[in-house]
């Protein structure tokens, strides 16, 4: 099934010290993120790309068929769209090497957080995702949730 690419904000530069809530869905909504070795390999590519492209991961959760993440640009020249392109390429290549399968469906969803949006509320949304999906009873039981200690 082909999905339409989500539209981006036409008058926004997607550069700078902004926060972005991102959802990337697995192709065919398969369960790709169920084994620790696959999640660890993918996350290493995410963290590598963050480091190289002036972003930080505030929180993320690798649900079986999608990824939710909250990223923040750390420099004025942090360019979100090229960052996401590279992140998705690297993670897709890593996953294909591990499994021989395609990782992502076309496109991804992002929300640029406004200045007054509460980062903690978005982190809470991310870490509660496995509970809402009835995968665990408490967020700390889910093995593929990550958050900065200060968030």
Protein backbone atom coordinates (compact mmCIF):
# COMPACT_ATOMS: atom_id res chain seq x y z
CA UNK A 1 0.00 0.00 0.00
CA UNK A 2 1.43 3.36 -1.03
CA UNK A 3 1.12 6.27 1.38
CA UNK A 4 1.17 9.93 0.46
CA UNK A 5 4.08 11.88 1.78
CA UNK A 6 3.07 14.23 4.57
CA UNK A 7 3.31 17.89 3.65
CA UNK A 8 5.91 20.09 5.27
CA UNK A 9 5.30 23.64 6.48
CA UNK A 10 5.79 25.86 3.43
CA UNK A 11 7.08 28.94 5.31
CA UNK A 12 9.36 27.22 7.81
CA UNK A 13 13.09 26.72 7.25
CA UNK A 14 13.48 23.50 9.29
CA UNK A 15 16.88 24.84 10.42
CA UNK A 16 18.05 25.83 13.86
CA UNK A 17 17.51 24.88 17.47
CA UNK A 18 13.98 23.56 17.08
CA UNK A 19 12.33 20.47 18.54
CA UNK A 20 10.70 17.90 16.27
CA UNK A 21 8.36 15.06 17.13
CA UNK A 22 8.80 12.38 14.46
CA UNK A 23 6.97 9.19 13.55
CA UNK A 24 8.48 6.76 11.02
CA UNK A 25 6.41 3.71 10.11
CA UNK A 26 7.83 0.35 9.07
CA UNK A 27 7.06 -0.72 5.49
CA UNK A 28 3.89 -2.79 5.45
CA UNK A 29 3.56 -2.04 9.18
CA UNK A 30 5.56 -5.23 9.83
CA UNK A 31 6.92 -5.90 13.30
CA UNK A 32 10.54 -4.87 12.74
CA UNK A 33 11.47 -3.66 16.21
CA UNK A 34 11.03 -6.72 18.40
CA UNK A 35 14.61 -7.97 18.80
CA UNK A 36 17.23 -6.15 20.84
CA UNK A 37 20.01 -6.65 18.29
CA UNK A 38 18.01 -4.98 15.50
CA UNK A 39 16.85 -2.10 17.69
CA UNK A 40 20.38 -1.55 19.03
CA UNK A 41 21.86 -1.50 15.53
CA UNK A 42 19.22 0.95 14.28
CA UNK A 43 19.54 3.19 17.33
CA UNK A 44 23.31 3.37 16.94
CA UNK A 45 22.77 4.80 13.45
CA UNK A 46 20.24 7.29 14.84
CA UNK A 47 22.68 8.46 17.52
CA UNK A 48 25.56 8.62 15.01
CA UNK A 49 23.48 10.78 12.69
CA UNK A 50 22.42 13.03 15.58
CA UNK A 51 26.04 13.57 16.55
CA UNK A 52 27.20 14.29 13.01
CA UNK A 53 24.26 16.55 12.09
CA UNK A 54 23.92 18.71 15.25
CA UNK A 55 20.85 17.05 16.73
CA UNK A 56 20.14 15.33 20.00
CA UNK A 57 17.66 12.61 20.76
CA UNK A 58 15.52 13.70 23.70
CA UNK A 59 13.38 10.56 23.74
CA UNK A 60 12.42 7.68 21.49
CA UNK A 61 10.42 4.49 21.49
CA UNK A 62 10.80 1.66 18.99
CA UNK A 63 7.34 0.18 18.79
CA UNK A 64 7.05 -3.07 16.83
CA UNK A 65 5.93 -1.31 13.63
CA UNK A 66 6.97 2.33 14.07
CA UNK A 67 9.38 4.72 15.70
CA UNK A 68 8.45 7.81 17.70
CA UNK A 69 11.26 10.21 18.51
CA UNK A 70 11.76 13.71 19.81
CA UNK A 71 14.82 15.46 18.38
CA UNK A 72 16.27 18.90 19.01
CA UNK A 73 18.67 20.86 16.86
CA UNK A 74 21.74 21.85 18.88
CA UNK A 75 23.16 24.48 16.50
CA UNK A 76 21.69 27.32 14.45
CA UNK A 77 22.65 25.47 11.25
CA UNK A 78 21.06 22.15 12.29
CA UNK A 79 19.06 21.24 9.16
CA UNK A 80 16.22 18.87 9.99
CA UNK A 81 15.23 17.62 6.54
CA UNK A 82 18.74 16.50 5.46
CA UNK A 83 19.20 15.03 8.95
CA UNK A 84 16.07 12.90 8.55
CA UNK A 85 17.05 11.86 5.02
CA UNK A 86 20.43 10.60 6.22
CA UNK A 87 18.94 9.00 9.36
CA UNK A 88 16.42 7.05 7.31
CA UNK A 89 19.04 6.00 4.73
CA UNK A 90 21.48 4.78 7.35
CA UNK A 91 18.89 2.92 9.39
CA UNK A 92 17.37 1.36 6.27
CA UNK A 93 20.76 0.12 5.07
CA UNK A 94 21.58 -1.29 8.50
CA UNK A 95 18.23 -3.08 8.68
CA UNK A 96 18.56 -4.47 5.15
CA UNK A 97 22.04 -5.77 6.03
CA UNK A 98 20.63 -7.51 9.12
CA UNK A 99 17.42 -8.90 7.63
CA UNK A 100 17.40 -8.46 3.87
CA UNK A 101 14.13 -6.51 4.18
CA UNK A 102 13.04 -2.94 3.57
CA UNK A 103 12.66 -0.92 6.76
CA UNK A 104 10.63 2.24 6.19
CA UNK A 105 7.47 3.10 4.35
CA UNK A 106 7.75 6.20 2.18
CA UNK A 107 7.70 9.49 4.06
CA UNK A 108 7.50 10.26 7.75
CA UNK A 109 5.42 12.48 9.97
CA UNK A 110 6.89 15.38 11.87
CA UNK A 111 5.58 18.09 14.12
CA UNK A 112 7.65 21.16 14.85
CA UNK A 113 7.10 21.99 18.49
CA UNK A 114 6.27 25.59 19.27
CA UNK A 115 8.25 27.56 21.83
CA UNK A 116 5.51 27.13 24.43
CA UNK A 117 5.05 23.37 23.84
CA UNK A 118 6.08 21.42 26.91
CA UNK A 119 8.96 19.06 26.12
CA UNK A 120 8.11 16.89 29.13
CA UNK A 121 4.57 16.32 27.84
CA UNK A 122 5.94 15.08 24.51
CA UNK A 123 8.46 12.83 26.27
CA UNK A 124 5.62 11.43 28.37
CA UNK A 125 3.59 10.76 25.21
CA UNK A 126 6.53 8.82 23.77
CA UNK A 127 7.28 6.72 26.86
CA UNK A 128 3.58 5.93 27.42
CA UNK A 129 3.13 4.62 23.87
CA UNK A 130 3.82 0.94 24.76
CA UNK A 131 1.30 1.21 27.62
CA UNK A 132 -1.38 2.67 25.36
CA UNK A 133 -0.70 -0.16 22.89
CA UNK A 134 -1.17 -2.73 25.70
CA UNK A 135 2.35 -4.09 25.25
CA UNK A 136 3.24 -3.48 28.91
CA UNK A 137 1.55 -2.24 32.05
CA UNK A 138 4.20 0.32 32.99
CA UNK A 139 6.53 2.30 30.68
CA UNK A 140 9.69 1.10 32.42
CA UNK A 141 8.84 -2.50 31.43
CA UNK A 142 9.25 -1.80 27.71
CA UNK A 143 12.82 -2.52 26.60
CA UNK A 144 13.01 -0.17 23.61
CA UNK A 145 12.25 3.19 25.20
CA UNK A 146 15.01 5.75 25.57
CA UNK A 147 15.03 9.17 27.17
CA UNK A 148 17.60 11.65 28.28
CA UNK A 149 17.93 11.55 32.06
CA UNK A 150 17.09 15.26 32.32
CA UNK A 151 13.88 15.02 30.25
